[in-house]
């Protein structure tokens, strides 16, 4: 025998949505054969605005890579500028 699922208390909350969005949610609900409210609850559960510690690590690694790459590009630009200056000096001396 399965254990009963604990039900959360549901509260009513009126929301405002543009008509096009309401039509879209209605269509999703009809296709999935669920209520409008269930579609909205699933959408809210799918939305995660919290930055995880993994995200912080990834962003830090990305920032480090961008910094190193930018420094390397700047170093190569300086080398090219020196070579151009040397080439111009050599051409002017001829």
N, C-alpha and C. Protein backbone atom coordinates (compact mmCIF):
# COMPACT_ATOMS: atom_id res chain seq x y z
N UNK A 1 0.84 -1.18 0.00
CA UNK A 1 0.00 0.00 0.00
C UNK A 1 0.88 1.23 0.00
N UNK A 2 0.58 2.21 -0.82
CA UNK A 2 1.40 3.42 -0.90
C UNK A 2 1.03 4.41 0.19
N UNK A 3 2.00 5.20 0.58
CA UNK A 3 1.75 6.21 1.61
C UNK A 3 1.05 7.40 0.98
N UNK A 4 0.17 8.04 1.72
CA UNK A 4 -0.56 9.19 1.16
C UNK A 4 0.39 10.35 0.89
N UNK A 5 0.12 11.05 -0.18
CA UNK A 5 0.91 12.21 -0.55
C UNK A 5 0.47 13.38 0.31
N UNK A 6 1.45 14.07 0.90
CA UNK A 6 1.13 15.22 1.73
C UNK A 6 0.72 16.39 0.83
N UNK A 7 -0.44 16.93 1.06
CA UNK A 7 -0.96 18.03 0.27
C UNK A 7 -0.59 19.36 0.91
N UNK A 8 -0.07 20.27 0.10
CA UNK A 8 0.20 21.61 0.58
C UNK A 8 -1.10 22.39 0.55
N UNK A 9 -1.21 23.34 1.47
CA UNK A 9 -2.37 24.22 1.46
C UNK A 9 -2.25 25.14 0.26
N UNK A 10 -3.32 25.26 -0.50
CA UNK A 10 -3.33 26.13 -1.66
C UNK A 10 -3.97 27.46 -1.27
N UNK A 11 -3.37 28.54 -1.71
CA UNK A 11 -3.91 29.88 -1.50
C UNK A 11 -4.28 30.47 -2.85
N UNK A 12 -5.32 31.25 -2.86
CA UNK A 12 -5.76 31.90 -4.10
C UNK A 12 -5.01 33.21 -4.26
N UNK A 13 -4.52 33.45 -5.47
CA UNK A 13 -3.79 34.69 -5.76
C UNK A 13 -4.19 35.15 -7.16
N UNK A 14 -4.95 36.23 -7.25
CA UNK A 14 -5.29 36.73 -8.59
C UNK A 14 -4.04 37.29 -9.28
N UNK A 15 -3.91 37.01 -10.56
CA UNK A 15 -2.78 37.52 -11.32
C UNK A 15 -3.29 38.21 -12.58
N UNK A 16 -2.52 39.17 -13.05
CA UNK A 16 -2.86 39.85 -14.29
C UNK A 16 -1.92 39.36 -15.38
N UNK A 17 -2.50 39.04 -16.54
CA UNK A 17 -1.72 38.57 -17.67
C UNK A 17 -2.31 39.17 -18.94
N UNK A 18 -1.48 39.43 -19.94
CA UNK A 18 -2.02 39.89 -21.22
C UNK A 18 -2.86 38.77 -21.86
N UNK A 19 -3.85 39.14 -22.64
CA UNK A 19 -4.74 38.15 -23.26
C UNK A 19 -3.99 37.07 -24.05
N UNK A 20 -2.95 37.46 -24.76
CA UNK A 20 -2.19 36.47 -25.53
C UNK A 20 -1.54 35.42 -24.66
N UNK A 21 -1.06 35.84 -23.50
CA UNK A 21 -0.44 34.90 -22.58
C UNK A 21 -1.49 33.97 -21.97
N UNK A 22 -2.66 34.51 -21.68
CA UNK A 22 -3.75 33.69 -21.14
C UNK A 22 -4.13 32.62 -22.17
N UNK A 23 -4.24 33.02 -23.44
CA UNK A 23 -4.55 32.04 -24.49
C UNK A 23 -3.49 30.95 -24.56
N UNK A 24 -2.24 31.37 -24.44
CA UNK A 24 -1.13 30.41 -24.51
C UNK A 24 -1.20 29.42 -23.35
N UNK A 25 -1.44 29.92 -22.14
CA UNK A 25 -1.54 29.04 -20.97
C UNK A 25 -2.75 28.13 -21.11
N UNK A 26 -3.87 28.68 -21.58
CA UNK A 26 -5.07 27.86 -21.80
C UNK A 26 -4.77 26.71 -22.78
N UNK A 27 -4.06 27.03 -23.86
CA UNK A 27 -3.74 26.02 -24.87
C UNK A 27 -2.83 24.93 -24.27
N UNK A 28 -1.83 25.35 -23.51
CA UNK A 28 -0.93 24.38 -22.86
C UNK A 28 -1.72 23.49 -21.92
N UNK A 29 -2.58 24.12 -21.12
CA UNK A 29 -3.39 23.36 -20.15
C UNK A 29 -4.29 22.36 -20.86
N UNK A 30 -4.89 22.78 -21.95
CA UNK A 30 -5.79 21.89 -22.69
C UNK A 30 -4.99 20.72 -23.28
N UNK A 31 -3.84 21.02 -23.88
CA UNK A 31 -3.02 19.95 -24.49
C UNK A 31 -2.50 18.96 -23.45
N UNK A 32 -2.15 19.46 -22.27
CA UNK A 32 -1.62 18.59 -21.22
C UNK A 32 -2.74 17.99 -20.36
N UNK A 33 -3.98 18.47 -20.60
CA UNK A 33 -5.15 18.01 -19.83
C UNK A 33 -4.96 18.27 -18.33
N UNK A 34 -4.53 19.50 -18.03
CA UNK A 34 -4.37 19.95 -16.64
C UNK A 34 -5.02 21.32 -16.51
N UNK A 35 -5.06 21.82 -15.30
CA UNK A 35 -5.67 23.12 -15.07
C UNK A 35 -4.71 24.26 -15.43
N UNK A 36 -5.31 25.42 -15.63
CA UNK A 36 -4.56 26.65 -15.87
C UNK A 36 -3.57 26.86 -14.72
N UNK A 37 -4.06 26.69 -13.50
CA UNK A 37 -3.23 26.91 -12.31
C UNK A 37 -2.03 25.97 -12.27
N UNK A 38 -2.24 24.72 -12.70
CA UNK A 38 -1.13 23.75 -12.69
C UNK A 38 -0.05 24.17 -13.68
N UNK A 39 -0.44 24.69 -14.84
CA UNK A 39 0.54 25.16 -15.81
C UNK A 39 1.35 26.31 -15.20
N UNK A 40 0.67 27.23 -14.53
CA UNK A 40 1.36 28.36 -13.91
C UNK A 40 2.29 27.86 -12.80
N UNK A 41 1.83 26.93 -11.96
CA UNK A 41 2.69 26.38 -10.89
C UNK A 41 3.92 25.71 -11.46
N UNK A 42 3.74 24.92 -12.54
CA UNK A 42 4.89 24.25 -13.16
C UNK A 42 5.88 25.27 -13.73
N UNK A 43 5.35 26.34 -14.32
CA UNK A 43 6.22 27.38 -14.87
C UNK A 43 7.02 28.05 -13.76
N UNK A 44 6.36 28.33 -12.65
CA UNK A 44 7.05 28.96 -11.51
C UNK A 44 8.11 28.02 -10.96
N UNK A 45 7.78 26.73 -10.84
CA UNK A 45 8.77 25.77 -10.33
C UNK A 45 9.96 25.63 -11.28
N UNK A 46 9.73 25.78 -12.57
CA UNK A 46 10.81 25.66 -13.55
C UNK A 46 11.72 26.88 -13.52
N UNK A 47 11.22 28.00 -13.04
CA UNK A 47 11.99 29.24 -13.00
C UNK A 47 12.85 29.24 -11.75
N UNK A 48 14.18 29.32 -11.95
CA UNK A 48 15.10 29.32 -10.82
C UNK A 48 16.04 30.51 -10.96
N UNK A 49 15.77 31.56 -10.20
CA UNK A 49 16.60 32.76 -10.30
C UNK A 49 17.75 32.76 -9.30
N UNK A 50 17.88 31.70 -8.54
CA UNK A 50 18.97 31.61 -7.58
C UNK A 50 20.24 31.19 -8.30
N UNK A 51 21.34 31.83 -7.98
CA UNK A 51 22.63 31.46 -8.54
C UNK A 51 23.22 30.39 -7.64
N UNK A 52 23.51 29.24 -8.21
CA UNK A 52 24.07 28.15 -7.41
C UNK A 52 25.57 28.34 -7.25
N UNK A 53 26.15 27.56 -6.33
CA UNK A 53 27.60 27.64 -6.14
C UNK A 53 28.32 27.16 -7.40
N UNK A 54 27.72 26.22 -8.14
CA UNK A 54 28.30 25.78 -9.41
C UNK A 54 28.36 26.94 -10.39
N UNK A 55 27.30 27.74 -10.43
CA UNK A 55 27.28 28.90 -11.32
C UNK A 55 28.40 29.87 -10.97
N UNK A 56 28.63 30.07 -9.69
CA UNK A 56 29.71 30.97 -9.25
C UNK A 56 31.06 30.45 -9.72
N UNK A 57 31.29 29.15 -9.60
CA UNK A 57 32.56 28.55 -10.01
C UNK A 57 32.74 28.70 -11.52
N UNK A 58 31.69 28.44 -12.27
CA UNK A 58 31.75 28.55 -13.73
C UNK A 58 32.01 29.99 -14.14
N UNK A 59 31.32 30.94 -13.53
CA UNK A 59 31.52 32.35 -13.86
C UNK A 59 32.93 32.80 -13.51
N UNK A 60 33.46 32.34 -12.39
CA UNK A 60 34.83 32.69 -11.99
C UNK A 60 35.84 32.14 -13.01
N UNK A 61 35.64 30.89 -13.43
CA UNK A 61 36.54 30.29 -14.42
C UNK A 61 36.45 31.04 -15.75
N UNK A 62 35.25 31.42 -16.13
CA UNK A 62 35.06 32.17 -17.37
C UNK A 62 35.77 33.53 -17.28
N UNK A 63 35.62 34.20 -16.17
CA UNK A 63 36.27 35.50 -15.98
C UNK A 63 37.79 35.35 -16.03
N UNK A 64 38.33 34.31 -15.39
CA UNK A 64 39.78 34.07 -15.43
C UNK A 64 40.26 33.82 -16.86
N UNK A 65 39.51 33.00 -17.58
CA UNK A 65 39.88 32.70 -18.97
C UNK A 65 39.85 33.95 -19.83
N UNK A 66 38.81 34.76 -19.65
CA UNK A 66 38.70 36.00 -20.43
C UNK A 66 39.85 36.95 -20.10
N UNK A 67 40.21 37.04 -18.83
CA UNK A 67 41.31 37.91 -18.42
C UNK A 67 42.62 37.45 -19.04
N UNK A 68 42.90 36.15 -18.95
CA UNK A 68 44.14 35.61 -19.52
C UNK A 68 44.17 35.79 -21.03
N UNK A 69 43.06 35.52 -21.69
CA UNK A 69 43.00 35.66 -23.14
C UNK A 69 43.21 37.11 -23.55
N UNK A 70 42.59 38.03 -22.85
CA UNK A 70 42.74 39.45 -23.15
C UNK A 70 44.19 39.89 -22.96
N UNK A 71 44.81 39.43 -21.89
CA UNK A 71 46.22 39.77 -21.65
C UNK A 71 47.10 39.23 -22.77
N UNK A 72 46.84 38.01 -23.23
CA UNK A 72 47.62 37.42 -24.32
C UNK A 72 47.43 38.21 -25.61
N UNK A 73 46.19 38.60 -25.91
CA UNK A 73 45.92 39.39 -27.11
C UNK A 73 46.66 40.72 -27.04
N UNK A 74 46.61 41.38 -25.91
CA UNK A 74 47.32 42.65 -25.76
C UNK A 74 48.83 42.47 -25.94
N UNK A 75 49.38 41.38 -25.40
CA UNK A 75 50.81 41.10 -25.57
C UNK A 75 51.15 40.93 -27.06
N UNK A 76 50.32 40.19 -27.77
CA UNK A 76 50.57 39.97 -29.21
C UNK A 76 50.42 41.27 -30.01
N UNK A 77 49.48 42.10 -29.62
CA UNK A 77 49.33 43.39 -30.31
C UNK A 77 50.58 44.24 -30.11
N UNK A 78 51.12 44.26 -28.90
CA UNK A 78 52.35 45.03 -28.64
C UNK A 78 53.51 44.48 -29.46
N UNK A 79 53.60 43.15 -29.57
CA UNK A 79 54.66 42.54 -30.40
C UNK A 79 54.50 42.98 -31.86
N UNK A 80 53.28 42.95 -32.36
CA UNK A 80 53.04 43.37 -33.75
C UNK A 80 53.36 44.84 -33.96
N UNK A 81 52.99 45.68 -33.00
CA UNK A 81 53.31 47.10 -33.12
C UNK A 81 54.82 47.31 -33.18
N UNK A 82 55.57 46.57 -32.36
CA UNK A 82 57.03 46.69 -32.38
C UNK A 82 57.58 46.24 -33.72
N UNK A 83 57.08 45.12 -34.25
CA UNK A 83 57.55 44.64 -35.55
C UNK A 83 57.24 45.65 -36.66
N UNK A 84 56.04 46.26 -36.59
CA UNK A 84 55.69 47.28 -37.58
C UNK A 84 56.61 48.49 -37.47
N UNK A 85 56.87 48.91 -36.24
CA UNK A 85 57.78 50.04 -36.03
C UNK A 85 59.17 49.72 -36.58
N UNK A 86 59.66 48.50 -36.28
CA UNK A 86 60.97 48.09 -36.79
C UNK A 86 60.99 48.06 -38.32
N UNK A 87 59.92 47.54 -38.91
CA UNK A 87 59.83 47.46 -40.38
C UNK A 87 59.80 48.85 -40.98
N UNK A 88 59.02 49.76 -40.41
CA UNK A 88 58.97 51.14 -40.91
C UNK A 88 60.33 51.82 -40.80
N UNK A 89 61.00 51.60 -39.70
CA UNK A 89 62.33 52.19 -39.50
C UNK A 89 63.31 51.65 -40.55
N UNK A 90 63.24 50.35 -40.81
CA UNK A 90 64.12 49.74 -41.78
C UNK A 90 63.84 50.29 -43.19
N UNK A 91 62.57 50.43 -43.55
CA UNK A 91 62.19 50.96 -44.87
C UNK A 91 62.60 52.42 -45.03
N UNK A 92 62.47 53.18 -43.98
CA UNK A 92 62.87 54.60 -44.05
C UNK A 92 64.38 54.75 -44.19
N UNK A 93 65.13 53.80 -43.62
CA UNK A 93 66.60 53.86 -43.67
C UNK A 93 67.12 53.52 -45.07
N UNK A 94 66.33 52.88 -45.89
CA UNK A 94 66.81 52.48 -47.23
C UNK A 94 66.83 53.62 -48.19
